[in-house]
Amino acid sequence: MDKKIVKSRLLSVALIGLSLALIFYGYQRGEAKIVLDKAVQICMECIGIG
């Protein structure tokens, strides 16, 4: 039973680590700014200002 728990935890930690690495990679490429710019543009169109 202990081996199953250890494997499960290792898989969870590995997936969290991979997720953080990909988030950091996207941030370094400037993806956060692109997404924010698109969100602002959509909001401006919906409100009717832009």
N, C-alpha and C. Protein backbone atom coordinates (compact mmCIF):
# COMPACT_ATOMS: atom_id res chain seq x y z
N MET A 1 0.82 -1.19 0.00
CA MET A 1 0.00 0.00 0.00
C MET A 1 0.86 1.26 0.00
N ASP A 2 1.99 1.22 0.69
CA ASP A 2 2.86 2.39 0.77
C ASP A 2 3.46 2.74 -0.59
N LYS A 3 3.79 1.71 -1.39
CA LYS A 3 4.38 1.97 -2.71
C LYS A 3 3.39 2.68 -3.62
N LYS A 4 2.13 2.34 -3.49
CA LYS A 4 1.10 2.98 -4.31
C LYS A 4 0.98 4.46 -3.94
N ILE A 5 1.04 4.76 -2.67
CA ILE A 5 0.95 6.15 -2.21
C ILE A 5 2.18 6.94 -2.68
N VAL A 6 3.35 6.33 -2.58
CA VAL A 6 4.58 6.99 -3.00
C VAL A 6 4.55 7.28 -4.50
N LYS A 7 4.10 6.32 -5.31
CA LYS A 7 4.01 6.52 -6.75
C LYS A 7 3.01 7.64 -7.08
N SER A 8 1.92 7.65 -6.36
CA SER A 8 0.90 8.67 -6.57
C SER A 8 1.44 10.06 -6.24
N ARG A 9 2.15 10.15 -5.14
CA ARG A 9 2.73 11.44 -4.75
C ARG A 9 3.81 11.87 -5.71
N LEU A 10 4.63 10.93 -6.17
CA LEU A 10 5.68 11.28 -7.13
C LEU A 10 5.07 11.78 -8.44
N LEU A 11 4.01 11.13 -8.89
CA LEU A 11 3.33 11.57 -10.10
C LEU A 11 2.75 12.97 -9.90
N SER A 12 2.15 13.22 -8.76
CA SER A 12 1.58 14.53 -8.47
C SER A 12 2.66 15.61 -8.46
N VAL A 13 3.76 15.33 -7.80
CA VAL A 13 4.86 16.29 -7.73
C VAL A 13 5.44 16.53 -9.12
N ALA A 14 5.57 15.48 -9.92
CA ALA A 14 6.10 15.62 -11.27
C ALA A 14 5.18 16.47 -12.13
N LEU A 15 3.87 16.26 -12.02
CA LEU A 15 2.92 17.06 -12.81
C LEU A 15 2.90 18.52 -12.37
N ILE A 16 3.00 18.75 -11.08
CA ILE A 16 3.06 20.13 -10.59
C ILE A 16 4.34 20.81 -11.07
N GLY A 17 5.45 20.09 -11.01
CA GLY A 17 6.72 20.64 -11.50
C GLY A 17 6.67 20.95 -12.98
N LEU A 18 6.10 20.05 -13.78
CA LEU A 18 5.96 20.28 -15.21
C LEU A 18 5.06 21.48 -15.48
N SER A 19 3.98 21.59 -14.73
CA SER A 19 3.06 22.72 -14.90
C SER A 19 3.76 24.04 -14.59
N LEU A 20 4.50 24.09 -13.51
CA LEU A 20 5.21 25.31 -13.15
C LEU A 20 6.27 25.66 -14.20
N ALA A 21 6.95 24.65 -14.71
CA ALA A 21 7.96 24.90 -15.74
C ALA A 21 7.32 25.48 -17.00
N LEU A 22 6.17 24.95 -17.41
CA LEU A 22 5.51 25.45 -18.61
C LEU A 22 4.92 26.84 -18.39
N ILE A 23 4.42 27.11 -17.20
CA ILE A 23 3.93 28.45 -16.88
C ILE A 23 5.08 29.44 -16.94
N PHE A 24 6.21 29.10 -16.37
CA PHE A 24 7.38 29.97 -16.39
C PHE A 24 7.87 30.20 -17.83
N TYR A 25 7.87 29.14 -18.63
CA TYR A 25 8.28 29.26 -20.03
C TYR A 25 7.36 30.22 -20.78
N GLY A 26 6.06 30.09 -20.60
CA GLY A 26 5.12 30.99 -21.25
C GLY A 26 5.29 32.42 -20.78
N TYR A 27 5.55 32.60 -19.51
CA TYR A 27 5.78 33.95 -18.97
C TYR A 27 7.03 34.57 -19.58
N GLN A 28 8.08 33.79 -19.73
CA GLN A 28 9.32 34.29 -20.31
C GLN A 28 9.15 34.68 -21.77
N ARG A 29 8.24 34.01 -22.47
CA ARG A 29 7.99 34.33 -23.88
C ARG A 29 7.08 35.53 -24.05
N GLY A 30 6.50 36.02 -22.98
CA GLY A 30 5.64 37.19 -23.06
C GLY A 30 4.18 36.84 -23.31
N GLU A 31 3.80 35.61 -23.08
CA GLU A 31 2.43 35.17 -23.33
C GLU A 31 1.44 35.87 -22.40
N ALA A 32 1.84 36.19 -21.19
CA ALA A 32 0.93 36.84 -20.25
C ALA A 32 0.51 38.21 -20.78
N LYS A 33 1.44 38.94 -21.35
CA LYS A 33 1.12 40.26 -21.92
C LYS A 33 0.18 40.13 -23.11
N ILE A 34 0.41 39.14 -23.94
CA ILE A 34 -0.45 38.93 -25.11
C ILE A 34 -1.87 38.62 -24.67
N VAL A 35 -2.02 37.73 -23.70
CA VAL A 35 -3.34 37.35 -23.22
C VAL A 35 -4.03 38.56 -22.58
N LEU A 36 -3.31 39.33 -21.79
CA LEU A 36 -3.90 40.51 -21.16
C LEU A 36 -4.32 41.53 -22.21
N ASP A 37 -3.49 41.75 -23.23
CA ASP A 37 -3.84 42.69 -24.30
C ASP A 37 -5.11 42.25 -25.03
N LYS A 38 -5.23 40.95 -25.30
CA LYS A 38 -6.42 40.44 -25.97
C LYS A 38 -7.66 40.59 -25.10
N ALA A 39 -7.51 40.34 -23.80
CA ALA A 39 -8.63 40.49 -22.87
C ALA A 39 -9.10 41.93 -22.80
N VAL A 40 -8.18 42.86 -22.76
CA VAL A 40 -8.53 44.28 -22.72
C VAL A 40 -9.24 44.67 -24.01
N GLN A 41 -8.74 44.20 -25.14
CA GLN A 41 -9.36 44.51 -26.43
C GLN A 41 -10.80 43.99 -26.49
N ILE A 42 -11.02 42.77 -26.02
CA ILE A 42 -12.37 42.20 -26.02
C ILE A 42 -13.27 42.99 -25.10
N CYS A 43 -12.79 43.38 -23.94
CA CYS A 43 -13.60 44.16 -23.00
C CYS A 43 -13.97 45.51 -23.60
N MET A 44 -13.02 46.15 -24.26
CA MET A 44 -13.29 47.44 -24.87
C MET A 44 -14.34 47.31 -25.97
N GLU A 45 -14.29 46.22 -26.73
CA GLU A 45 -15.29 46.01 -27.78
C GLU A 45 -16.67 45.74 -27.19
N CYS A 46 -16.73 44.99 -26.10
CA CYS A 46 -18.03 44.67 -25.48
C CYS A 46 -18.67 45.91 -24.87
N ILE A 47 -17.87 46.73 -24.24
CA ILE A 47 -18.39 47.95 -23.60
C ILE A 47 -18.76 48.98 -24.66
N GLY A 48 -18.07 48.96 -25.76
CA GLY A 48 -18.35 49.88 -26.84
C GLY A 48 -17.45 51.09 -26.87
N ILE A 49 -16.42 51.09 -26.04
CA ILE A 49 -15.50 52.23 -26.00
C ILE A 49 -14.54 52.17 -27.20
N GLY A 50 -14.06 50.99 -27.52
CA GLY A 50 -13.04 50.86 -28.55
C GLY A 50 -13.65 50.59 -29.86
